[in-house]
Amino acid sequence: MSKTSDNREPGRVDTALQQLRQDNGLCTEKVLFNIDNQGQWFYLNEPLPTKFARLFSSILQRIDAEYFLITPVEKLKVSVESVALIIVDYRALENGSFELVTDLDTRFNIESVSGFITEEDGVFIDLPNGLGAKLGRACYYRFVEEYLLE
């Protein structure tokens, strides 16, 4: 029976994949994708259909205050005006955590109400991959009524 190679250890594989993602050179210095302050995605200054924005959001990462679409072989810069995602709905779960729904119909969970960060210009949430989200207008007013005016 042969020994398992060190490269097959789960921790090492995750580390290697993370390094591969970060070490990719940029395909181009030109910014091809933009996300405006309403969470609308654009490709070459043309609106991107939601189904494609949803797909690309799954590979979006923020590294050192810059946004990139990162695959195992490519890396593209993305310009983000404010936050990458807009939260359009949330639901408090029995265990005290919250399920968040974005305008792209992607879902995230945060552990507690303390995951909502209130600032003068809105309510923000830190998400995986260094991404940030902001409560949309209707969601913001609902949150204020339910949690801040008590």
N, C-alpha and C. Protein backbone atom coordinates (compact mmCIF):
# COMPACT_ATOMS: atom_id res chain seq x y z
N MET A 1 0.85 -1.17 0.00
CA MET A 1 0.00 0.00 0.00
C MET A 1 0.89 1.24 0.00
N SER A 2 0.66 2.15 -0.91
CA SER A 2 1.51 3.34 -1.01
C SER A 2 1.01 4.44 -0.09
N LYS A 3 1.94 5.29 0.30
CA LYS A 3 1.59 6.42 1.16
C LYS A 3 0.87 7.48 0.33
N THR A 4 -0.01 8.21 1.00
CA THR A 4 -0.71 9.31 0.34
C THR A 4 0.26 10.49 0.22
N SER A 5 0.29 11.09 -0.93
CA SER A 5 1.14 12.25 -1.16
C SER A 5 0.68 13.41 -0.29
N ASP A 6 1.63 14.25 0.15
CA ASP A 6 1.30 15.43 0.95
C ASP A 6 0.33 16.35 0.21
N ASN A 7 0.36 16.34 -1.12
CA ASN A 7 -0.51 17.22 -1.90
C ASN A 7 -1.97 16.80 -1.83
N ARG A 8 -2.24 15.63 -1.29
CA ARG A 8 -3.62 15.16 -1.22
C ARG A 8 -4.28 15.51 0.11
N GLU A 9 -3.56 16.10 1.01
CA GLU A 9 -4.14 16.52 2.28
C GLU A 9 -5.09 17.68 2.01
N PRO A 10 -6.31 17.64 2.58
CA PRO A 10 -7.29 18.69 2.30
C PRO A 10 -6.79 20.10 2.55
N GLY A 11 -6.10 20.33 3.63
CA GLY A 11 -5.60 21.67 3.93
C GLY A 11 -4.62 22.17 2.89
N ARG A 12 -3.75 21.29 2.43
CA ARG A 12 -2.76 21.68 1.42
C ARG A 12 -3.43 21.94 0.08
N VAL A 13 -4.45 21.18 -0.25
CA VAL A 13 -5.17 21.39 -1.51
C VAL A 13 -5.85 22.75 -1.48
N ASP A 14 -6.54 23.07 -0.38
CA ASP A 14 -7.19 24.38 -0.27
C ASP A 14 -6.19 25.51 -0.38
N THR A 15 -5.05 25.37 0.29
CA THR A 15 -4.00 26.39 0.22
C THR A 15 -3.48 26.54 -1.19
N ALA A 16 -3.25 25.42 -1.86
CA ALA A 16 -2.75 25.47 -3.24
C ALA A 16 -3.75 26.13 -4.18
N LEU A 17 -5.04 25.81 -4.01
CA LEU A 17 -6.07 26.43 -4.85
C LEU A 17 -6.16 27.93 -4.59
N GLN A 18 -6.09 28.33 -3.33
CA GLN A 18 -6.14 29.76 -3.01
C GLN A 18 -4.95 30.49 -3.62
N GLN A 19 -3.77 29.90 -3.54
CA GLN A 19 -2.59 30.52 -4.12
C GLN A 19 -2.71 30.60 -5.64
N LEU A 20 -3.23 29.56 -6.25
CA LEU A 20 -3.44 29.56 -7.69
C LEU A 20 -4.36 30.70 -8.10
N ARG A 21 -5.44 30.90 -7.34
CA ARG A 21 -6.38 31.98 -7.65
C ARG A 21 -5.70 33.34 -7.54
N GLN A 22 -4.91 33.54 -6.52
CA GLN A 22 -4.30 34.84 -6.30
C GLN A 22 -3.11 35.09 -7.21
N ASP A 23 -2.43 34.04 -7.65
CA ASP A 23 -1.23 34.21 -8.46
C ASP A 23 -1.50 34.39 -9.94
N ASN A 24 -2.74 34.21 -10.37
CA ASN A 24 -3.05 34.41 -11.78
C ASN A 24 -2.74 35.83 -12.19
N GLY A 25 -2.10 35.98 -13.32
CA GLY A 25 -1.87 37.32 -13.85
C GLY A 25 -3.15 37.85 -14.47
N LEU A 26 -3.25 39.15 -14.54
CA LEU A 26 -4.42 39.76 -15.17
C LEU A 26 -4.43 39.45 -16.66
N CYS A 27 -5.62 39.16 -17.18
CA CYS A 27 -5.76 38.95 -18.63
C CYS A 27 -5.54 40.26 -19.37
N THR A 28 -6.00 41.35 -18.76
CA THR A 28 -5.87 42.68 -19.33
C THR A 28 -5.95 43.69 -18.20
N GLU A 29 -5.30 44.81 -18.37
CA GLU A 29 -5.39 45.89 -17.38
C GLU A 29 -6.72 46.64 -17.51
N LYS A 30 -7.35 46.52 -18.67
CA LYS A 30 -8.61 47.22 -18.93
C LYS A 30 -9.72 46.63 -18.07
N VAL A 31 -10.53 47.50 -17.48
CA VAL A 31 -11.68 47.06 -16.69
C VAL A 31 -12.82 46.77 -17.65
N LEU A 32 -13.24 45.51 -17.71
CA LEU A 32 -14.30 45.10 -18.62
C LEU A 32 -15.67 45.06 -17.94
N PHE A 33 -15.67 44.84 -16.63
CA PHE A 33 -16.92 44.74 -15.86
C PHE A 33 -17.01 45.88 -14.87
N ASN A 34 -18.22 46.42 -14.71
CA ASN A 34 -18.48 47.47 -13.74
C ASN A 34 -19.74 47.10 -12.96
N ILE A 35 -19.76 47.46 -11.69
CA ILE A 35 -20.96 47.29 -10.87
C ILE A 35 -21.28 48.67 -10.30
N ASP A 36 -22.48 49.20 -10.63
CA ASP A 36 -22.82 50.55 -10.17
C ASP A 36 -23.33 50.52 -8.73
N ASN A 37 -23.68 51.70 -8.19
CA ASN A 37 -24.07 51.76 -6.78
C ASN A 37 -25.45 51.16 -6.50
N GLN A 38 -26.16 50.76 -7.54
CA GLN A 38 -27.44 50.06 -7.38
C GLN A 38 -27.28 48.54 -7.54
N GLY A 39 -26.03 48.08 -7.72
CA GLY A 39 -25.78 46.66 -7.88
C GLY A 39 -25.96 46.16 -9.31
N GLN A 40 -26.17 47.07 -10.25
CA GLN A 40 -26.34 46.69 -11.66
C GLN A 40 -24.98 46.39 -12.27
N TRP A 41 -24.87 45.26 -12.95
CA TRP A 41 -23.63 44.84 -13.59
C TRP A 41 -23.60 45.31 -15.04
N PHE A 42 -22.41 45.70 -15.50
CA PHE A 42 -22.21 46.12 -16.89
C PHE A 42 -20.97 45.43 -17.44
N TYR A 43 -21.04 45.06 -18.70
CA TYR A 43 -19.89 44.52 -19.42
C TYR A 43 -19.63 45.44 -20.60
N LEU A 44 -18.44 46.03 -20.66
CA LEU A 44 -18.09 47.02 -21.68
C LEU A 44 -19.15 48.10 -21.76
N ASN A 45 -19.59 48.56 -20.58
CA ASN A 45 -20.56 49.64 -20.40
C ASN A 45 -21.96 49.32 -20.90
N GLU A 46 -22.26 48.07 -21.16
CA GLU A 46 -23.60 47.62 -21.54
C GLU A 46 -24.17 46.77 -20.40
N PRO A 47 -25.47 46.93 -20.09
CA PRO A 47 -26.05 46.13 -19.01
C PRO A 47 -25.86 44.63 -19.25
N LEU A 48 -25.50 43.95 -18.20
CA LEU A 48 -25.28 42.51 -18.26
C LEU A 48 -26.56 41.81 -17.78
N PRO A 49 -27.09 40.85 -18.53
CA PRO A 49 -28.29 40.13 -18.06
C PRO A 49 -28.06 39.52 -16.68
N THR A 50 -29.10 39.50 -15.89
CA THR A 50 -29.01 39.01 -14.51
C THR A 50 -28.43 37.61 -14.42
N LYS A 51 -28.80 36.72 -15.34
CA LYS A 51 -28.29 35.35 -15.24
C LYS A 51 -26.77 35.31 -15.38
N PHE A 52 -26.19 36.22 -16.18
CA PHE A 52 -24.73 36.26 -16.31
C PHE A 52 -24.10 36.96 -15.10
N ALA A 53 -24.75 38.01 -14.61
CA ALA A 53 -24.25 38.69 -13.41
C ALA A 53 -24.22 37.71 -12.24
N ARG A 54 -25.26 36.89 -12.11
CA ARG A 54 -25.32 35.89 -11.04
C ARG A 54 -24.15 34.91 -11.16
N LEU A 55 -23.91 34.46 -12.38
CA LEU A 55 -22.81 33.53 -12.62
C LEU A 55 -21.46 34.17 -12.26
N PHE A 56 -21.22 35.38 -12.75
CA PHE A 56 -19.95 36.04 -12.48
C PHE A 56 -19.80 36.41 -11.00
N SER A 57 -20.91 36.70 -10.32
CA SER A 57 -20.80 37.04 -8.90
C SER A 57 -20.24 35.88 -8.08
N SER A 58 -20.41 34.65 -8.58
CA SER A 58 -19.91 33.48 -7.85
C SER A 58 -18.38 33.38 -7.90
N ILE A 59 -17.73 34.10 -8.80
CA ILE A 59 -16.26 34.08 -8.87
C ILE A 59 -15.66 35.45 -8.57
N LEU A 60 -16.49 36.37 -8.05
CA LEU A 60 -16.02 37.71 -7.70
C LEU A 60 -15.33 37.67 -6.34
N GLN A 61 -14.17 38.32 -6.25
CA GLN A 61 -13.42 38.40 -5.00
C GLN A 61 -12.84 39.80 -4.85
N ARG A 62 -12.71 40.23 -3.60
CA ARG A 62 -12.02 41.49 -3.31
C ARG A 62 -10.70 41.14 -2.64
N ILE A 63 -9.62 41.65 -3.23
CA ILE A 63 -8.28 41.42 -2.71
C ILE A 63 -7.60 42.78 -2.60
N ASP A 64 -7.18 43.15 -1.40
CA ASP A 64 -6.50 44.43 -1.18
C ASP A 64 -7.28 45.59 -1.78
N ALA A 65 -8.57 45.68 -1.47
CA ALA A 65 -9.46 46.77 -1.88
C ALA A 65 -9.72 46.84 -3.39
N GLU A 66 -9.34 45.80 -4.13
CA GLU A 66 -9.65 45.73 -5.55
C GLU A 66 -10.51 44.50 -5.80
N TYR A 67 -11.37 44.60 -6.81
CA TYR A 67 -12.27 43.50 -7.15
C TYR A 67 -11.79 42.80 -8.41
N PHE A 68 -11.95 41.46 -8.41
CA PHE A 68 -11.53 40.64 -9.54
C PHE A 68 -12.52 39.51 -9.76
N LEU A 69 -12.66 39.12 -11.02
CA LEU A 69 -13.29 37.85 -11.36
C LEU A 69 -12.13 36.88 -11.51
N ILE A 70 -12.15 35.80 -10.72
CA ILE A 70 -11.00 34.90 -10.69
C ILE A 70 -11.45 33.47 -10.96
N THR A 71 -10.83 32.88 -11.97
CA THR A 71 -11.01 31.46 -12.27
C THR A 71 -9.65 30.80 -12.08
N PRO A 72 -9.56 29.49 -12.20
CA PRO A 72 -8.24 28.85 -12.06
C PRO A 72 -7.23 29.31 -13.11
N VAL A 73 -7.67 29.90 -14.21
CA VAL A 73 -6.72 30.29 -15.25
C VAL A 73 -6.79 31.76 -15.64
N GLU A 74 -7.77 32.51 -15.15
CA GLU A 74 -7.91 33.91 -15.54
C GLU A 74 -8.20 34.81 -14.35
N LYS A 75 -7.88 36.09 -14.54
CA LYS A 75 -8.17 37.09 -13.53
C LYS A 75 -8.47 38.40 -14.26
N LEU A 76 -9.66 38.97 -13.99
CA LEU A 76 -10.08 40.22 -14.61
C LEU A 76 -10.43 41.24 -13.54
N LYS A 77 -10.05 42.49 -13.76
CA LYS A 77 -10.43 43.56 -12.84
C LYS A 77 -11.90 43.90 -13.01
N VAL A 78 -12.53 44.27 -11.90
CA VAL A 78 -13.92 44.71 -11.89
C VAL A 78 -13.97 46.03 -11.13
N SER A 79 -14.65 47.01 -11.69
CA SER A 79 -14.86 48.28 -11.02
C SER A 79 -16.16 48.22 -10.23
N VAL A 80 -16.09 48.52 -8.93
CA VAL A 80 -17.29 48.48 -8.08
C VAL A 80 -17.45 49.87 -7.45
N GLU A 81 -18.58 50.52 -7.75
CA GLU A 81 -18.82 51.87 -7.24
C GLU A 81 -18.96 51.93 -5.73
N SER A 82 -19.77 51.05 -5.18
CA SER A 82 -20.03 51.09 -3.75
C SER A 82 -19.82 49.70 -3.13
N VAL A 83 -20.77 48.82 -3.35
CA VAL A 83 -20.68 47.44 -2.88
C VAL A 83 -21.01 46.51 -4.04
N ALA A 84 -20.57 45.28 -3.92
CA ALA A 84 -20.76 44.33 -5.02
C ALA A 84 -22.19 43.82 -5.11
N LEU A 85 -22.88 43.74 -3.98
CA LEU A 85 -24.21 43.13 -3.97
C LEU A 85 -25.20 43.96 -3.16
N ILE A 86 -26.45 43.92 -3.58
CA ILE A 86 -27.54 44.59 -2.88
C ILE A 86 -28.45 43.52 -2.28
N ILE A 87 -28.71 43.64 -0.99
CA ILE A 87 -29.60 42.70 -0.30
C ILE A 87 -31.04 43.20 -0.48
N VAL A 88 -31.89 42.34 -1.03
CA VAL A 88 -33.29 42.72 -1.28
C VAL A 88 -34.25 42.05 -0.30
N ASP A 89 -33.77 41.07 0.45
CA ASP A 89 -34.62 40.43 1.44
C ASP A 89 -33.73 39.73 2.47
N TYR A 90 -34.26 39.59 3.65
CA TYR A 90 -33.57 38.82 4.68
C TYR A 90 -34.64 38.11 5.51
N ARG A 91 -34.20 37.07 6.18
CA ARG A 91 -35.11 36.30 7.01
C ARG A 91 -34.36 35.86 8.26
N ALA A 92 -34.92 36.20 9.41
CA ALA A 92 -34.34 35.74 10.68
C ALA A 92 -34.68 34.27 10.86
N LEU A 93 -33.68 33.48 11.18
CA LEU A 93 -33.88 32.04 11.39
C LEU A 93 -34.00 31.75 12.88
N GLU A 94 -34.52 30.59 13.21
CA GLU A 94 -34.76 30.22 14.61
C GLU A 94 -33.51 30.23 15.46
N ASN A 95 -32.36 29.93 14.87
CA ASN A 95 -31.11 29.87 15.64
C ASN A 95 -30.45 31.24 15.82
N GLY A 96 -31.12 32.31 15.37
CA GLY A 96 -30.58 33.66 15.53
C GLY A 96 -29.78 34.15 14.34
N SER A 97 -29.52 33.26 13.40
CA SER A 97 -28.80 33.68 12.19
C SER A 97 -29.79 34.28 11.19
N PHE A 98 -29.27 34.79 10.09
CA PHE A 98 -30.10 35.42 9.07
C PHE A 98 -29.74 34.86 7.70
N GLU A 99 -30.76 34.63 6.91
CA GLU A 99 -30.56 34.29 5.50
C GLU A 99 -30.78 35.57 4.70
N LEU A 100 -29.82 35.90 3.84
CA LEU A 100 -29.88 37.11 3.02
C LEU A 100 -30.09 36.72 1.57
N VAL A 101 -30.89 37.49 0.85
CA VAL A 101 -31.13 37.26 -0.57
C VAL A 101 -30.71 38.52 -1.31
N THR A 102 -29.87 38.35 -2.33
CA THR A 102 -29.39 39.50 -3.11
C THR A 102 -30.30 39.77 -4.30
N ASP A 103 -30.05 40.89 -4.94
CA ASP A 103 -30.80 41.25 -6.14
C ASP A 103 -30.50 40.29 -7.30
N LEU A 104 -29.47 39.49 -7.18
CA LEU A 104 -29.14 38.48 -8.19
C LEU A 104 -29.72 37.12 -7.81
N ASP A 105 -30.50 37.08 -6.73
CA ASP A 105 -31.10 35.86 -6.20
C ASP A 105 -30.05 34.86 -5.72
N THR A 106 -28.94 35.39 -5.21
CA THR A 106 -27.97 34.55 -4.52
C THR A 106 -28.24 34.67 -3.03
N ARG A 107 -27.84 33.67 -2.28
CA ARG A 107 -28.17 33.63 -0.85
C ARG A 107 -26.91 33.47 0.00
N PHE A 108 -26.95 34.15 1.14
CA PHE A 108 -25.86 34.09 2.09
C PHE A 108 -26.46 33.98 3.48
N ASN A 109 -25.68 33.47 4.41
CA ASN A 109 -26.10 33.42 5.81
C ASN A 109 -25.11 34.19 6.66
N ILE A 110 -25.64 34.91 7.64
CA ILE A 110 -24.78 35.55 8.64
C ILE A 110 -25.23 35.04 10.00
N GLU A 111 -24.31 35.05 10.95
CA GLU A 111 -24.54 34.40 12.24
C GLU A 111 -25.57 35.08 13.13
N SER A 112 -25.61 36.42 13.11
CA SER A 112 -26.52 37.12 14.02
C SER A 112 -26.79 38.53 13.51
N VAL A 113 -27.65 39.22 14.22
CA VAL A 113 -27.98 40.60 13.86
C VAL A 113 -26.74 41.49 13.93
N SER A 114 -25.74 41.09 14.71
CA SER A 114 -24.52 41.89 14.80
C SER A 114 -23.73 41.89 13.49
N GLY A 115 -24.09 41.00 12.56
CA GLY A 115 -23.46 40.99 11.24
C GLY A 115 -23.90 42.14 10.35
N PHE A 116 -24.97 42.83 10.76
CA PHE A 116 -25.43 44.02 10.03
C PHE A 116 -24.67 45.22 10.59
N ILE A 117 -24.00 45.95 9.73
CA ILE A 117 -23.18 47.09 10.15
C ILE A 117 -23.90 48.37 9.77
N THR A 118 -24.36 49.11 10.77
CA THR A 118 -25.09 50.35 10.48
C THR A 118 -24.12 51.51 10.38
N GLU A 119 -24.25 52.23 9.27
CA GLU A 119 -23.45 53.42 9.03
C GLU A 119 -24.39 54.54 8.59
N GLU A 120 -23.86 55.74 8.51
CA GLU A 120 -24.67 56.89 8.14
C GLU A 120 -25.35 56.73 6.78
N ASP A 121 -24.68 56.08 5.85
CA ASP A 121 -25.23 55.96 4.50
C ASP A 121 -25.84 54.60 4.20
N GLY A 122 -26.14 53.79 5.23
CA GLY A 122 -26.83 52.53 4.98
C GLY A 122 -26.45 51.45 5.97
N VAL A 123 -27.00 50.27 5.70
CA VAL A 123 -26.70 49.08 6.50
C VAL A 123 -25.94 48.13 5.60
N PHE A 124 -24.77 47.72 6.06
CA PHE A 124 -23.85 46.92 5.25
C PHE A 124 -23.62 45.56 5.90
N ILE A 125 -23.18 44.62 5.08
CA ILE A 125 -22.88 43.27 5.54
C ILE A 125 -21.59 42.81 4.88
N ASP A 126 -20.68 42.22 5.66
CA ASP A 126 -19.47 41.61 5.10
C ASP A 126 -19.81 40.18 4.69
N LEU A 127 -19.43 39.83 3.46
CA LEU A 127 -19.72 38.52 2.90
C LEU A 127 -18.42 37.78 2.59
N PRO A 128 -18.52 36.50 2.25
CA PRO A 128 -17.31 35.74 1.88
C PRO A 128 -16.57 36.36 0.70
N ASN A 129 -15.32 35.98 0.53
CA ASN A 129 -14.43 36.44 -0.54
C ASN A 129 -14.14 37.93 -0.47
N GLY A 130 -14.28 38.51 0.71
CA GLY A 130 -13.98 39.92 0.88
C GLY A 130 -15.05 40.85 0.34
N LEU A 131 -16.18 40.31 -0.06
CA LEU A 131 -17.23 41.12 -0.66
C LEU A 131 -18.06 41.83 0.40
N GLY A 132 -18.67 42.92 -0.01
CA GLY A 132 -19.57 43.65 0.84
C GLY A 132 -20.93 43.76 0.17
N ALA A 133 -21.96 43.89 0.99
CA ALA A 133 -23.31 44.07 0.48
C ALA A 133 -23.97 45.20 1.27
N LYS A 134 -25.01 45.74 0.70
CA LYS A 134 -25.76 46.82 1.33
C LYS A 134 -27.24 46.47 1.23
N LEU A 135 -27.98 46.80 2.28
CA LEU A 135 -29.42 46.58 2.22
C LEU A 135 -30.03 47.53 1.20
N GLY A 136 -30.88 46.99 0.32
CA GLY A 136 -31.63 47.81 -0.62
C GLY A 136 -32.62 48.68 0.15
N ARG A 137 -33.21 49.65 -0.53
CA ARG A 137 -34.05 50.65 0.14
C ARG A 137 -35.18 50.01 0.96
N ALA A 138 -36.02 49.17 0.36
CA ALA A 138 -37.15 48.58 1.09
C ALA A 138 -36.65 47.71 2.25
N CYS A 139 -35.60 46.97 2.00
CA CYS A 139 -35.01 46.11 3.01
C CYS A 139 -34.44 46.95 4.16
N TYR A 140 -33.83 48.06 3.82
CA TYR A 140 -33.26 48.98 4.80
C TYR A 140 -34.36 49.48 5.75
N TYR A 141 -35.46 49.98 5.19
CA TYR A 141 -36.54 50.51 6.03
C TYR A 141 -37.15 49.42 6.91
N ARG A 142 -37.28 48.23 6.38
CA ARG A 142 -37.79 47.11 7.17
C ARG A 142 -36.84 46.80 8.33
N PHE A 143 -35.54 46.79 8.05
CA PHE A 143 -34.54 46.51 9.08
C PHE A 143 -34.57 47.58 10.17
N VAL A 144 -34.64 48.84 9.76
CA VAL A 144 -34.69 49.94 10.73
C VAL A 144 -35.90 49.76 11.64
N GLU A 145 -37.05 49.47 11.05
CA GLU A 145 -38.27 49.31 11.84
C GLU A 145 -38.17 48.11 12.79
N GLU A 146 -37.63 47.00 12.32
CA GLU A 146 -37.58 45.78 13.13
C GLU A 146 -36.48 45.76 14.18
N TYR A 147 -35.34 46.41 13.89
CA TYR A 147 -34.19 46.23 14.78
C TYR A 147 -33.61 47.52 15.37
N LEU A 148 -33.84 48.65 14.74
CA LEU A 148 -33.21 49.87 15.23
C LEU A 148 -34.17 50.79 15.98
N LEU A 149 -35.47 50.64 15.77
CA LEU A 149 -36.44 51.52 16.44
C LEU A 149 -37.05 50.90 17.68
N GLU A 150 -36.57 49.74 18.08
CA GLU A 150 -37.13 49.06 19.26
C GLU A 150 -36.84 49.81 20.53
